[in-house]
Amino acid sequence: MSQTAAAQVLGTRELDILHDLNRNYLRAVEESDVRWFDANLSDDFLNSNPDGSIVDRAGFLAQIGKPSSVKNIAGSDIRIRLLGDFAFIHARTDYVKVADGSKGFGRYTNIWQKRDDRWLCVSAHVTRG
């Protein structure tokens, strides 16, 4: 196998892993799955919330531990850019607001870094419309 072909296979495998992490990220938000986030966030993780506030890993886990204010989260327009040991995931979300059943949407960017041979989310930025 040529170096180019090997790189393409490796890139495809990494993209498959990142797509799976992205699916689980959305699932974990909806299900308030703190364990999943605890296993997949870096120790130095930071999150920018829709209201403009920023929280560290502990603050984010506390937020996630509360019942989600949205349900039926669906990701679309998912764009994954793999840049060496970093990956940037940009996507749109559509969801239903638990409080009143109305539909909402937003966008997010998650930044992942490969550390010790596994991907960890190091940063997230969320907007809602």
C-alpha atoms as a PDB file:
ATOM      1  CA  MET A   1       0.000   0.000   0.000  1.00  0.00           C
ATOM      2  CA  SER A   2       1.389   3.412  -0.944  1.00  0.00           C
ATOM      3  CA  GLN A   3       1.873   6.146   1.634  1.00  0.00           C
ATOM      4  CA  THR A   4      -0.954   8.122   0.024  1.00  0.00           C
ATOM      5  CA  ALA A   5      -3.350   5.160   0.178  1.00  0.00           C
ATOM      6  CA  ALA A   6      -2.333   4.438   3.777  1.00  0.00           C
ATOM      7  CA  ALA A   7      -2.954   8.081   4.705  1.00  0.00           C
ATOM      8  CA  GLN A   8      -6.397   7.951   3.074  1.00  0.00           C
ATOM      9  CA  VAL A   9      -7.322   4.801   5.019  1.00  0.00           C
ATOM     10  CA  LEU A  10      -6.070   6.354   8.249  1.00  0.00           C
ATOM     11  CA  GLY A  11      -7.979   9.565   7.496  1.00  0.00           C
ATOM     12  CA  THR A  12     -11.163   7.617   6.765  1.00  0.00           C
ATOM     13  CA  ARG A  13     -10.840   5.680  10.020  1.00  0.00           C
ATOM     14  CA  GLU A  14     -10.259   8.881  11.993  1.00  0.00           C
ATOM     15  CA  LEU A  15     -13.273  10.538  10.332  1.00  0.00           C
ATOM     16  CA  ASP A  16     -15.439   7.530  11.217  1.00  0.00           C
ATOM     17  CA  ILE A  17     -14.323   7.824  14.850  1.00  0.00           C
ATOM     18  CA  LEU A  18     -15.042  11.564  14.874  1.00  0.00           C
ATOM     19  CA  HIS A  19     -18.495  11.087  13.306  1.00  0.00           C
ATOM     20  CA  ASP A  20     -19.272   8.560  16.054  1.00  0.00           C
ATOM     21  CA  LEU A  21     -18.015  10.929  18.757  1.00  0.00           C
ATOM     22  CA  ASN A  22     -20.158  13.697  17.290  1.00  0.00           C
ATOM     23  CA  ARG A  23     -23.297  11.495  17.295  1.00  0.00           C
ATOM     24  CA  ASN A  24     -22.637  10.522  20.889  1.00  0.00           C
ATOM     25  CA  TYR A  25     -21.953  14.122  21.893  1.00  0.00           C
ATOM     26  CA  LEU A  26     -25.460  15.125  20.738  1.00  0.00           C
ATOM     27  CA  ARG A  27     -27.003  12.035  22.346  1.00  0.00           C
ATOM     28  CA  ALA A  28     -25.209  12.749  25.618  1.00  0.00           C
ATOM     29  CA  VAL A  29     -26.487  16.349  25.652  1.00  0.00           C
ATOM     30  CA  GLU A  30     -30.071  15.184  25.226  1.00  0.00           C
ATOM     31  CA  GLU A  31     -29.743  12.389  27.790  1.00  0.00           C
ATOM     32  CA  SER A  32     -27.739  14.417  30.336  1.00  0.00           C
ATOM     33  CA  ASP A  33     -25.063  11.706  30.106  1.00  0.00           C
ATOM     34  CA  VAL A  34     -22.374  13.099  32.408  1.00  0.00           C
ATOM     35  CA  ARG A  35     -20.418   9.821  32.296  1.00  0.00           C
ATOM     36  CA  TRP A  36     -19.960  10.033  28.545  1.00  0.00           C
ATOM     37  CA  PHE A  37     -18.703  13.605  28.792  1.00  0.00           C
ATOM     38  CA  ASP A  38     -16.475  12.767  31.749  1.00  0.00           C
ATOM     39  CA  ALA A  39     -14.776  10.131  29.574  1.00  0.00           C
ATOM     40  CA  ASN A  40     -14.488  12.292  26.450  1.00  0.00           C
ATOM     41  CA  LEU A  41     -13.598  15.816  27.602  1.00  0.00           C
ATOM     42  CA  SER A  42     -10.026  16.941  28.178  1.00  0.00           C
ATOM     43  CA  ASP A  43      -9.063  18.164  31.640  1.00  0.00           C
ATOM     44  CA  ASP A  44      -8.601  21.664  30.192  1.00  0.00           C
ATOM     45  CA  PHE A  45     -11.938  21.696  28.296  1.00  0.00           C
ATOM     46  CA  LEU A  46     -13.790  25.015  27.903  1.00  0.00           C
ATOM     47  CA  ASN A  47     -17.327  25.622  26.622  1.00  0.00           C
ATOM     48  CA  SER A  48     -18.852  28.850  25.324  1.00  0.00           C
ATOM     49  CA  ASN A  49     -22.569  28.806  26.123  1.00  0.00           C
ATOM     50  CA  PRO A  50     -25.334  30.309  23.966  1.00  0.00           C
ATOM     51  CA  ASP A  51     -25.717  33.165  26.482  1.00  0.00           C
ATOM     52  CA  GLY A  52     -22.066  34.164  26.013  1.00  0.00           C
ATOM     53  CA  SER A  53     -20.791  32.721  29.278  1.00  0.00           C
ATOM     54  CA  ILE A  54     -17.843  30.356  29.353  1.00  0.00           C
ATOM     55  CA  VAL A  55     -17.473  27.363  31.652  1.00  0.00           C
ATOM     56  CA  ASP A  56     -14.643  24.994  32.379  1.00  0.00           C
ATOM     57  CA  ARG A  57     -14.911  21.217  32.450  1.00  0.00           C
ATOM     58  CA  ALA A  58     -16.438  21.057  35.943  1.00  0.00           C
ATOM     59  CA  GLY A  59     -18.969  23.766  35.112  1.00  0.00           C
ATOM     60  CA  PHE A  60     -19.931  22.027  31.877  1.00  0.00           C
ATOM     61  CA  LEU A  61     -20.393  18.664  33.611  1.00  0.00           C
ATOM     62  CA  ALA A  62     -22.622  20.390  36.183  1.00  0.00           C
ATOM     63  CA  GLN A  63     -24.699  21.912  33.356  1.00  0.00           C
ATOM     64  CA  ILE A  64     -25.010  18.562  31.597  1.00  0.00           C
ATOM     65  CA  GLY A  65     -26.068  16.887  34.841  1.00  0.00           C
ATOM     66  CA  LYS A  66     -29.268  18.920  34.857  1.00  0.00           C
ATOM     67  CA  PRO A  67     -32.213  17.764  32.745  1.00  0.00           C
ATOM     68  CA  SER A  68     -31.826  18.927  29.163  1.00  0.00           C
ATOM     69  CA  SER A  69     -33.990  21.837  28.024  1.00  0.00           C
ATOM     70  CA  VAL A  70     -34.149  20.328  24.522  1.00  0.00           C
ATOM     71  CA  LYS A  71     -35.141  17.002  23.011  1.00  0.00           C
ATOM     72  CA  ASN A  72     -35.071  15.309  19.612  1.00  0.00           C
ATOM     73  CA  ILE A  73     -31.691  16.858  18.842  1.00  0.00           C
ATOM     74  CA  ALA A  74     -30.655  16.213  15.265  1.00  0.00           C
ATOM     75  CA  GLY A  75     -27.352  17.255  13.739  1.00  0.00           C
ATOM     76  CA  SER A  76     -27.057  18.324  10.106  1.00  0.00           C
ATOM     77  CA  ASP A  77     -24.656  20.165   7.820  1.00  0.00           C
ATOM     78  CA  ILE A  78     -21.870  18.356   9.697  1.00  0.00           C
ATOM     79  CA  ARG A  79     -18.430  19.383   8.541  1.00  0.00           C
ATOM     80  CA  ILE A  80     -15.383  17.690  10.005  1.00  0.00           C
ATOM     81  CA  ARG A  81     -11.968  19.111   9.272  1.00  0.00           C
ATOM     82  CA  LEU A  82      -9.060  16.909  10.258  1.00  0.00           C
ATOM     83  CA  LEU A  83      -5.845  18.894  10.751  1.00  0.00           C
ATOM     84  CA  GLY A  84      -3.192  16.569  12.126  1.00  0.00           C
ATOM     85  CA  ASP A  85      -3.902  15.901  15.794  1.00  0.00           C
ATOM     86  CA  PHE A  86      -6.809  18.360  15.784  1.00  0.00           C
ATOM     87  CA  ALA A  87     -10.302  18.029  14.381  1.00  0.00           C
ATOM     88  CA  PHE A  88     -12.896  20.759  14.054  1.00  0.00           C
ATOM     89  CA  ILE A  89     -16.551  19.802  13.873  1.00  0.00           C
ATOM     90  CA  HIS A  90     -18.987  22.466  12.682  1.00  0.00           C
ATOM     91  CA  ALA A  91     -22.680  21.561  12.532  1.00  0.00           C
ATOM     92  CA  ARG A  92     -26.266  22.701  12.816  1.00  0.00           C
ATOM     93  CA  THR A  93     -28.719  21.328  15.345  1.00  0.00           C
ATOM     94  CA  ASP A  94     -32.487  21.219  15.211  1.00  0.00           C
ATOM     95  CA  TYR A  95     -34.399  20.349  18.365  1.00  0.00           C
ATOM     96  CA  VAL A  96     -37.636  20.706  20.281  1.00  0.00           C
ATOM     97  CA  LYS A  97     -37.737  22.903  23.395  1.00  0.00           C
ATOM     98  CA  VAL A  98     -38.975  20.916  26.374  1.00  0.00           C
ATOM     99  CA  ALA A  99     -40.638  23.949  28.000  1.00  0.00           C
ATOM    100  CA  ASP A 100     -43.147  24.718  25.252  1.00  0.00           C
ATOM    101  CA  GLY A 101     -42.690  22.160  22.460  1.00  0.00           C
ATOM    102  CA  SER A 102     -41.554  24.766  19.956  1.00  0.00           C
ATOM    103  CA  LYS A 103     -38.806  24.011  17.484  1.00  0.00           C
ATOM    104  CA  GLY A 104     -35.384  25.566  17.758  1.00  0.00           C
ATOM    105  CA  PHE A 105     -32.070  25.450  15.990  1.00  0.00           C
ATOM    106  CA  GLY A 106     -28.472  26.345  16.576  1.00  0.00           C
ATOM    107  CA  ARG A 107     -24.919  25.757  15.491  1.00  0.00           C
ATOM    108  CA  TYR A 108     -21.906  24.421  17.291  1.00  0.00           C
ATOM    109  CA  THR A 109     -18.204  23.992  16.839  1.00  0.00           C
ATOM    110  CA  ASN A 110     -16.383  21.309  18.779  1.00  0.00           C
ATOM    111  CA  ILE A 111     -12.607  21.069  18.736  1.00  0.00           C
ATOM    112  CA  TRP A 112     -11.078  17.664  19.336  1.00  0.00           C
ATOM    113  CA  GLN A 113      -7.427  16.815  19.946  1.00  0.00           C
ATOM    114  CA  LYS A 114      -5.819  13.412  19.686  1.00  0.00           C
ATOM    115  CA  ARG A 115      -3.983  12.819  22.955  1.00  0.00           C
ATOM    116  CA  ASP A 116      -2.347   9.540  23.889  1.00  0.00           C
ATOM    117  CA  ASP A 117      -3.923   7.896  20.837  1.00  0.00           C
ATOM    118  CA  ARG A 118      -7.521   8.943  21.600  1.00  0.00           C
ATOM    119  CA  TRP A 119      -9.686  11.896  20.701  1.00  0.00           C
ATOM    120  CA  LEU A 120     -10.740  14.283  23.486  1.00  0.00           C
ATOM    121  CA  CYS A 121     -12.950  17.329  23.127  1.00  0.00           C
ATOM    122  CA  VAL A 122     -10.909  20.346  24.208  1.00  0.00           C
ATOM    123  CA  SER A 123     -13.354  23.135  23.344  1.00  0.00           C
ATOM    124  CA  ALA A 124     -16.959  23.735  22.338  1.00  0.00           C
ATOM    125  CA  HIS A 125     -18.922  26.772  21.230  1.00  0.00           C
ATOM    126  CA  VAL A 126     -22.727  26.697  21.054  1.00  0.00           C
ATOM    127  CA  THR A 127     -25.212  29.153  19.562  1.00  0.00           C
ATOM    128  CA  ARG A 128     -28.988  28.919  19.464  1.00  0.00           C
ATOM    129  CA  GLY A 129     -31.448  30.683  17.203  1.00  0.00           C
END
